[in-house]
Amino acid sequence: MTKRIQQKQCILFYLLMAIAIMVTVICAFAMTSNAKQDHNMYKYYTSVQVEDGDSLWSIAKEYSDVDSYASYTDYIDEVKQINHISGDDIHAGEYLTIPYYSAQVQ
C-alpha cells in the first residue's frame, strides 16, 4: 500500500470513530432526558378510612412511594405530622389524610 492510501484509511478510521462517539453521546443524552420525563411524580393527598387491622405500617406499605421516601418510617412520620398523631395508635373508623405520588396531573 502506498503511504497516501494508508493516510486516507487512517483519517477515515478516526472520522468513523468520532461519529460513533457522537452518536453514543447523543443516544445517552436522549435516554437520560426520557428517563427524567418518565419520573415526573406529583404529590397528592387523599383521605382513607382506617379499617380493622390497619396500622400506620400497613398504610405506609400500601401508599408510600419507594422513590419519594427513604423508608416506611419517613412516610409514617409524615402521615403522623399531617394528621397530628403523636403515638402509633390508629383506630378503625378514623379518617387519615394520606400523601401519595402519581405521574398523572390531576
C-alpha atoms as a PDB file:
ATOM      1  CA  MET A   1       0.000   0.000   0.000  1.00  0.00           C
ATOM      2  CA  THR A   2       1.132   3.447  -0.649  1.00  0.00           C
ATOM      3  CA  LYS A   3       1.593   5.960   2.101  1.00  0.00           C
ATOM      4  CA  ARG A   4      -1.215   8.131   0.713  1.00  0.00           C
ATOM      5  CA  ILE A   5      -3.755   5.267   0.895  1.00  0.00           C
ATOM      6  CA  GLN A   6      -2.674   4.490   4.457  1.00  0.00           C
ATOM      7  CA  GLN A   7      -3.193   8.129   5.435  1.00  0.00           C
ATOM      8  CA  LYS A   8      -6.687   8.132   3.886  1.00  0.00           C
ATOM      9  CA  GLN A   9      -7.588   4.924   5.712  1.00  0.00           C
ATOM     10  CA  CYS A  10      -6.299   6.377   8.972  1.00  0.00           C
ATOM     11  CA  ILE A  11      -8.339   9.569   8.501  1.00  0.00           C
ATOM     12  CA  LEU A  12     -11.419   7.520   7.608  1.00  0.00           C
ATOM     13  CA  PHE A  13     -10.944   5.354  10.705  1.00  0.00           C
ATOM     14  CA  TYR A  14     -10.695   8.382  13.022  1.00  0.00           C
ATOM     15  CA  LEU A  15     -13.665  10.032  11.328  1.00  0.00           C
ATOM     16  CA  LEU A  16     -15.808   6.915  11.829  1.00  0.00           C
ATOM     17  CA  MET A  17     -14.688   6.680  15.462  1.00  0.00           C
ATOM     18  CA  ALA A  18     -15.635  10.332  16.057  1.00  0.00           C
ATOM     19  CA  ILE A  19     -19.070   9.761  14.501  1.00  0.00           C
ATOM     20  CA  ALA A  20     -19.606   6.634  16.621  1.00  0.00           C
ATOM     21  CA  ILE A  21     -18.704   8.549  19.790  1.00  0.00           C
ATOM     22  CA  MET A  22     -21.034  11.426  18.888  1.00  0.00           C
ATOM     23  CA  VAL A  23     -23.922   9.032  18.200  1.00  0.00           C
ATOM     24  CA  THR A  24     -23.298   7.277  21.510  1.00  0.00           C
ATOM     25  CA  VAL A  25     -23.278  10.564  23.443  1.00  0.00           C
ATOM     26  CA  ILE A  26     -26.444  11.778  21.726  1.00  0.00           C
ATOM     27  CA  CYS A  27     -28.260   8.488  22.442  1.00  0.00           C
ATOM     28  CA  ALA A  28     -27.165   8.522  26.077  1.00  0.00           C
ATOM     29  CA  PHE A  29     -28.381  12.108  26.468  1.00  0.00           C
ATOM     30  CA  ALA A  30     -31.718  11.277  24.825  1.00  0.00           C
ATOM     31  CA  MET A  31     -32.260   8.268  27.097  1.00  0.00           C
ATOM     32  CA  THR A  32     -31.426  10.320  30.184  1.00  0.00           C
ATOM     33  CA  SER A  33     -33.860  13.044  29.141  1.00  0.00           C
ATOM     34  CA  ASN A  34     -36.628  10.488  28.560  1.00  0.00           C
ATOM     35  CA  ALA A  35     -35.922   8.821  31.889  1.00  0.00           C
ATOM     36  CA  LYS A  36     -36.268  12.140  33.713  1.00  0.00           C
ATOM     37  CA  GLN A  37     -39.577  12.823  31.963  1.00  0.00           C
ATOM     38  CA  ASP A  38     -40.876   9.356  32.892  1.00  0.00           C
ATOM     39  CA  HIS A  39     -40.211  10.031  36.581  1.00  0.00           C
ATOM     40  CA  ASN A  40     -42.107  13.304  36.956  1.00  0.00           C
ATOM     41  CA  MET A  41     -44.150  12.478  40.010  1.00  0.00           C
ATOM     42  CA  TYR A  42     -46.692  14.782  41.597  1.00  0.00           C
ATOM     43  CA  LYS A  43     -47.617  14.705  45.267  1.00  0.00           C
ATOM     44  CA  TYR A  44     -51.304  14.470  46.166  1.00  0.00           C
ATOM     45  CA  TYR A  45     -53.332  13.805  49.271  1.00  0.00           C
ATOM     46  CA  THR A  46     -56.338  11.614  49.809  1.00  0.00           C
ATOM     47  CA  SER A  47     -58.461  10.633  52.765  1.00  0.00           C
ATOM     48  CA  VAL A  48     -58.688   6.990  53.775  1.00  0.00           C
ATOM     49  CA  GLN A  49     -60.821   5.384  56.422  1.00  0.00           C
ATOM     50  CA  VAL A  50     -58.920   3.184  58.843  1.00  0.00           C
ATOM     51  CA  GLU A  51     -60.256  -0.374  58.844  1.00  0.00           C
ATOM     52  CA  ASP A  52     -59.931  -3.119  61.446  1.00  0.00           C
ATOM     53  CA  GLY A  53     -56.399  -4.472  61.398  1.00  0.00           C
ATOM     54  CA  ASP A  54     -54.896  -1.388  59.758  1.00  0.00           C
ATOM     55  CA  SER A  55     -51.730   0.091  61.186  1.00  0.00           C
ATOM     56  CA  LEU A  56     -49.578   3.010  60.174  1.00  0.00           C
ATOM     57  CA  TRP A  57     -47.115   0.441  58.868  1.00  0.00           C
ATOM     58  CA  SER A  58     -49.699  -1.315  56.649  1.00  0.00           C
ATOM     59  CA  ILE A  59     -50.908   2.038  55.306  1.00  0.00           C
ATOM     60  CA  ALA A  60     -47.301   3.041  54.576  1.00  0.00           C
ATOM     61  CA  LYS A  61     -46.725  -0.206  52.669  1.00  0.00           C
ATOM     62  CA  GLU A  62     -49.837   0.410  50.584  1.00  0.00           C
ATOM     63  CA  TYR A  63     -49.476   4.130  49.804  1.00  0.00           C
ATOM     64  CA  SER A  64     -45.820   5.170  50.086  1.00  0.00           C
ATOM     65  CA  ASP A  65     -43.670   5.591  47.004  1.00  0.00           C
ATOM     66  CA  VAL A  66     -40.230   3.990  47.282  1.00  0.00           C
ATOM     67  CA  ASP A  67     -38.631   6.715  45.156  1.00  0.00           C
ATOM     68  CA  SER A  68     -40.017   9.546  47.295  1.00  0.00           C
ATOM     69  CA  TYR A  69     -39.267   8.332  50.814  1.00  0.00           C
ATOM     70  CA  ALA A  70     -36.099   6.863  52.268  1.00  0.00           C
ATOM     71  CA  SER A  71     -38.117   4.386  54.336  1.00  0.00           C
ATOM     72  CA  TYR A  72     -41.598   3.481  55.528  1.00  0.00           C
ATOM     73  CA  THR A  73     -40.678   5.215  58.797  1.00  0.00           C
ATOM     74  CA  ASP A  74     -40.213   8.521  56.966  1.00  0.00           C
ATOM     75  CA  TYR A  75     -43.618   8.098  55.335  1.00  0.00           C
ATOM     76  CA  ILE A  76     -45.249   7.220  58.664  1.00  0.00           C
ATOM     77  CA  ASP A  77     -43.673  10.289  60.264  1.00  0.00           C
ATOM     78  CA  GLU A  78     -45.228  12.472  57.550  1.00  0.00           C
ATOM     79  CA  VAL A  79     -48.649  10.822  57.961  1.00  0.00           C
ATOM     80  CA  LYS A  80     -48.446  11.378  61.721  1.00  0.00           C
ATOM     81  CA  GLN A  81     -47.470  15.023  61.236  1.00  0.00           C
ATOM     82  CA  ILE A  82     -50.246  15.713  58.706  1.00  0.00           C
ATOM     83  CA  ASN A  83     -52.859  14.094  60.956  1.00  0.00           C
ATOM     84  CA  HIS A  84     -51.494  15.457  64.263  1.00  0.00           C
ATOM     85  CA  ILE A  85     -50.870  11.978  65.645  1.00  0.00           C
ATOM     86  CA  SER A  86     -48.325  11.736  68.448  1.00  0.00           C
ATOM     87  CA  GLY A  87     -48.306   7.980  69.041  1.00  0.00           C
ATOM     88  CA  ASP A  88     -48.567   4.961  66.789  1.00  0.00           C
ATOM     89  CA  ASP A  89     -52.194   4.102  67.529  1.00  0.00           C
ATOM     90  CA  ILE A  90     -54.916   4.499  64.925  1.00  0.00           C
ATOM     91  CA  HIS A  91     -58.468   3.211  65.259  1.00  0.00           C
ATOM     92  CA  ALA A  92     -60.979   1.687  62.866  1.00  0.00           C
ATOM     93  CA  GLY A  93     -63.409   4.303  61.578  1.00  0.00           C
ATOM     94  CA  GLU A  94     -60.941   7.200  61.735  1.00  0.00           C
ATOM     95  CA  TYR A  95     -60.057   9.078  58.597  1.00  0.00           C
ATOM     96  CA  LEU A  96     -56.438   9.863  57.802  1.00  0.00           C
ATOM     97  CA  THR A  97     -55.054  12.233  55.215  1.00  0.00           C
ATOM     98  CA  ILE A  98     -52.531  10.224  53.230  1.00  0.00           C
ATOM     99  CA  PRO A  99     -49.897  11.583  50.810  1.00  0.00           C
ATOM    100  CA  TYR A 100     -49.310   9.685  47.592  1.00  0.00           C
ATOM    101  CA  TYR A 101     -47.475  10.267  44.327  1.00  0.00           C
ATOM    102  CA  SER A 102     -48.748   9.924  40.798  1.00  0.00           C
ATOM    103  CA  ALA A 103     -47.267  10.584  37.366  1.00  0.00           C
ATOM    104  CA  GLN A 104     -50.651  11.882  36.209  1.00  0.00           C
ATOM    105  CA  VAL A 105     -51.540  15.519  36.641  1.00  0.00           C
ATOM    106  CA  GLN A 106     -54.842  15.636  38.456  1.00  0.00           C
END
